[in-house]
């Protein structure tokens, strides 16, 4: 049966950086993929919000995702909002999508928006009795995980999604849509680093290419 997949991220481009190839794989498997972006993704950086939104729309088209929504929380300001309000917004999408699998940020990242998103998702998807349970996987974001203190890191990835060259190509093309976020190598948000990471994570599970995750919740 086709699965309902929900990706919840803090910023437009996190969905590509964190699990772009996995999104491609789900789309190719005819799963129903929905994406929720919590912030305007630009205000704190002084970048044009309309330009960033158009980049987001272009990336969605490349990924083949038709169901997506962006909220208007301020970029890098999620800590200025009550967590309960963010949770309620996620719960609205939860009721609409009824997901089987949720992908979101790990708590490892240095970026505070990413940490708050992780906490809000885990709260919104508490495995309460008489409600549908879903599996939750978390990912790190390049340029956020590299700079975190080693004393903060929880664990190593323990779930690997194998991908192929087609999925990786889609991820790279989608990231290229975010022209304002791309940087030359050796910046973590470079095309070369995305290719290197896919190969490295592949070697960690005995495959040519993969994306790595943390199991936040796995219910069988």
Protein backbone atom coordinates (compact mmCIF):
# COMPACT_ATOMS: atom_id res chain seq x y z
CA UNK A 1 0.00 0.00 0.00
CA UNK A 2 1.12 3.55 -0.68
CA UNK A 3 2.21 5.37 2.45
CA UNK A 4 1.49 8.89 3.65
CA UNK A 5 4.77 10.71 4.22
CA UNK A 6 5.13 14.03 6.05
CA UNK A 7 8.31 16.11 6.17
CA UNK A 8 8.33 18.91 8.76
CA UNK A 9 11.20 21.39 8.52
CA UNK A 10 12.07 24.79 9.90
CA UNK A 11 13.24 26.37 6.65
CA UNK A 12 12.71 25.98 2.94
CA UNK A 13 15.77 24.04 1.70
CA UNK A 14 16.01 21.88 4.85
CA UNK A 15 13.75 19.33 3.17
CA UNK A 16 16.26 18.93 0.34
CA UNK A 17 19.39 19.03 2.49
CA UNK A 18 17.99 16.62 5.06
CA UNK A 19 16.17 14.05 2.97
CA UNK A 20 15.89 15.17 -0.65
CA UNK A 21 16.89 11.81 -2.10
CA UNK A 22 14.54 9.99 0.27
CA UNK A 23 11.71 12.26 -0.91
CA UNK A 24 12.56 11.33 -4.49
CA UNK A 25 12.51 7.64 -3.57
CA UNK A 26 9.09 7.95 -1.91
CA UNK A 27 7.70 9.82 -4.93
CA UNK A 28 9.00 7.14 -7.29
CA UNK A 29 7.37 4.50 -5.05
CA UNK A 30 4.04 6.34 -5.49
CA UNK A 31 3.84 7.32 -1.82
CA UNK A 32 1.92 10.45 -0.88
CA UNK A 33 4.49 13.05 0.16
CA UNK A 34 3.58 16.27 2.00
CA UNK A 35 5.96 18.98 3.20
CA UNK A 36 5.41 21.52 5.96
CA UNK A 37 7.82 24.47 6.34
CA UNK A 38 7.39 26.35 9.60
CA UNK A 39 9.14 29.68 8.88
CA UNK A 40 9.34 32.31 6.16
CA UNK A 41 12.93 31.07 5.79
CA UNK A 42 14.45 34.44 4.95
CA UNK A 43 13.59 37.29 7.32
CA UNK A 44 16.50 36.79 9.71
CA UNK A 45 19.01 36.68 6.86
CA UNK A 46 17.86 39.89 5.22
CA UNK A 47 17.02 38.00 2.04
CA UNK A 48 14.03 38.61 -0.19
CA UNK A 49 11.19 36.39 1.02
CA UNK A 50 9.58 36.27 -2.42
CA UNK A 51 12.81 35.09 -4.03
CA UNK A 52 13.17 32.35 -1.42
CA UNK A 53 9.54 31.31 -1.89
CA UNK A 54 10.01 31.03 -5.65
CA UNK A 55 13.09 28.90 -5.04
CA UNK A 56 10.98 26.69 -2.80
CA UNK A 57 8.29 26.30 -5.48
CA UNK A 58 10.93 25.39 -8.04
CA UNK A 59 12.40 22.79 -5.69
CA UNK A 60 8.96 21.28 -5.07
CA UNK A 61 8.45 20.94 -8.81
CA UNK A 62 11.80 19.21 -9.24
CA UNK A 63 11.10 16.83 -6.36
CA UNK A 64 7.62 16.13 -7.71
CA UNK A 65 5.90 17.17 -4.46
CA UNK A 66 2.44 18.62 -5.01
CA UNK A 67 1.22 18.90 -1.40
CA UNK A 68 3.14 21.50 0.57
CA UNK A 69 2.54 24.39 2.94
CA UNK A 70 4.61 27.19 4.43
CA UNK A 71 3.77 28.92 7.69
CA UNK A 72 4.86 32.43 8.61
CA UNK A 73 6.92 32.03 11.76
CA UNK A 74 9.97 34.25 11.60
CA UNK A 75 13.21 32.71 10.45
CA UNK A 76 15.60 31.87 13.30
CA UNK A 77 13.04 33.18 15.78
CA UNK A 78 11.10 30.04 16.69
CA UNK A 79 12.26 30.44 20.27
CA UNK A 80 10.23 33.66 20.48
CA UNK A 81 6.95 31.76 20.04
CA UNK A 82 5.10 29.55 22.49
CA UNK A 83 5.88 25.92 21.70
CA UNK A 84 2.22 25.02 22.10
CA UNK A 85 1.28 27.26 19.16
CA UNK A 86 3.80 25.56 16.88
CA UNK A 87 2.59 22.16 18.06
CA UNK A 88 -1.02 23.09 17.31
CA UNK A 89 -0.13 24.11 13.75
CA UNK A 90 1.64 20.80 13.21
CA UNK A 91 -1.33 18.93 14.66
CA UNK A 92 -3.60 20.55 12.06
CA UNK A 93 -1.41 19.10 9.31
CA UNK A 94 -1.24 15.81 11.20
CA UNK A 95 -5.02 15.45 11.08
CA UNK A 96 -5.06 16.34 7.40
CA UNK A 97 -2.23 14.06 6.27
CA UNK A 98 -2.58 11.17 8.76
CA UNK A 99 1.03 10.15 8.06
CA UNK A 100 2.59 6.73 8.33
CA UNK A 101 6.12 8.19 8.41
CA UNK A 102 7.35 11.59 9.56
CA UNK A 103 10.79 13.02 8.78
CA UNK A 104 12.06 16.05 10.66
CA UNK A 105 15.13 17.69 12.17
CA UNK A 106 17.33 16.02 14.72
CA UNK A 107 17.96 17.73 18.04
CA UNK A 108 21.69 17.54 17.33
CA UNK A 109 21.85 20.59 15.09
CA UNK A 110 23.36 23.84 16.27
CA UNK A 111 20.48 25.79 14.72
CA UNK A 112 17.88 26.53 17.40
CA UNK A 113 14.99 26.48 14.91
CA UNK A 114 15.93 22.90 14.07
CA UNK A 115 15.95 21.89 17.74
CA UNK A 116 12.55 23.49 18.36
CA UNK A 117 11.09 21.84 15.26
CA UNK A 118 12.24 18.46 16.55
CA UNK A 119 10.63 19.08 19.93
CA UNK A 120 7.39 20.36 18.39
CA UNK A 121 7.09 17.35 16.07
CA UNK A 122 7.70 14.84 18.85
CA UNK A 123 5.08 16.63 20.95
CA UNK A 124 2.52 16.79 18.15
CA UNK A 125 3.00 13.09 17.39
CA UNK A 126 2.85 11.72 20.90
CA UNK A 127 1.82 8.03 20.59
CA UNK A 128 -1.46 8.40 22.48
CA UNK A 129 -3.89 5.48 22.82
CA UNK A 130 -6.65 5.26 20.20
CA UNK A 131 -4.70 7.39 17.73
CA UNK A 132 -2.87 6.22 14.65
CA UNK A 133 0.82 5.69 15.40
CA UNK A 134 3.52 6.76 12.97
CA UNK A 135 7.23 6.19 12.69
CA UNK A 136 9.47 9.24 13.10
CA UNK A 137 12.96 9.68 11.67
CA UNK A 138 15.25 12.66 12.16
CA UNK A 139 18.03 14.06 10.01
CA UNK A 140 20.94 16.48 10.40
CA UNK A 141 21.40 19.53 8.19
CA UNK A 142 24.76 20.35 6.53
CA UNK A 143 26.26 23.57 7.94
CA UNK A 144 24.33 23.07 11.17
CA UNK A 145 25.59 19.72 12.44
CA UNK A 146 29.29 20.31 11.67
CA UNK A 147 29.56 23.24 14.04
CA UNK A 148 27.79 21.75 17.03
CA UNK A 149 29.74 20.95 20.19
CA UNK A 150 30.71 17.30 20.47
CA UNK A 151 29.31 17.34 24.00
CA UNK A 152 25.84 18.03 22.63
CA UNK A 153 25.63 15.20 20.09
CA UNK A 154 23.29 12.45 21.20
CA UNK A 155 24.26 9.49 19.09
CA UNK A 156 25.24 8.35 15.62
CA UNK A 157 22.68 7.75 12.86
CA UNK A 158 21.04 4.35 13.21
CA UNK A 159 18.74 4.21 10.19
CA UNK A 160 19.88 4.27 6.59
CA UNK A 161 17.74 4.76 3.52
CA UNK A 162 19.52 3.41 0.45
CA UNK A 163 19.18 5.58 -2.63
CA UNK A 164 20.36 5.37 -6.23
CA UNK A 165 21.90 7.75 -8.73
CA UNK A 166 18.48 8.96 -9.88
CA UNK A 167 17.45 9.97 -6.34
CA UNK A 168 20.75 11.72 -5.74
CA UNK A 169 20.46 13.58 -9.03
CA UNK A 170 16.97 14.79 -8.08
CA UNK A 171 18.28 15.96 -4.70
CA UNK A 172 21.11 17.90 -6.33
CA UNK A 173 18.82 19.47 -8.93
CA UNK A 174 16.37 20.50 -6.19
CA UNK A 175 19.20 22.03 -4.16
CA UNK A 176 20.36 23.94 -7.20
CA UNK A 177 16.95 25.62 -7.20
CA UNK A 178 17.99 27.30 -3.94
CA UNK A 179 20.54 29.55 -5.60
CA UNK A 180 20.73 31.89 -2.59
CA UNK A 181 21.76 28.99 -0.34
CA UNK A 182 24.38 27.28 -2.50
CA UNK A 183 28.08 27.80 -1.82
CA UNK A 184 31.27 26.55 -3.44
CA UNK A 185 33.13 23.58 -1.96
CA UNK A 186 34.34 23.07 0.76
CA UNK A 187 31.26 24.76 2.24
CA UNK A 188 28.88 22.12 3.71
CA UNK A 189 26.07 23.43 1.46
CA UNK A 190 27.91 22.70 -1.75
CA UNK A 191 26.90 20.21 -4.41
CA UNK A 192 30.21 18.40 -3.95
CA UNK A 193 29.55 17.91 -0.25
CA UNK A 194 26.08 16.49 -0.91
CA UNK A 195 27.62 13.95 -3.27
CA UNK A 196 30.38 13.11 -0.78
CA UNK A 197 27.87 12.73 2.06
CA UNK A 198 25.67 10.35 0.04
CA UNK A 199 28.68 8.16 -0.70
CA UNK A 200 29.98 8.30 2.86
CA UNK A 201 26.59 7.38 4.32
CA UNK A 202 26.37 4.59 1.76
CA UNK A 203 29.64 3.09 2.99
CA UNK A 204 28.25 3.16 6.52
CA UNK A 205 25.56 0.65 5.53
CA UNK A 206 27.38 -1.33 2.85
CA UNK A 207 25.76 0.43 -0.11
CA UNK A 208 26.93 2.81 -2.81
CA UNK A 209 24.64 5.68 -1.74
CA UNK A 210 22.38 6.42 1.22
CA UNK A 211 20.85 9.06 3.45
CA UNK A 212 21.20 8.61 7.20
CA UNK A 213 18.67 9.23 9.95
CA UNK A 214 18.05 8.76 13.64
CA UNK A 215 15.15 6.59 14.77
CA UNK A 216 13.05 8.85 16.99
CA UNK A 217 10.20 6.39 17.14
CA UNK A 218 9.68 3.04 15.43
CA UNK A 219 6.51 1.11 16.20
CA UNK A 220 5.93 -2.34 14.71
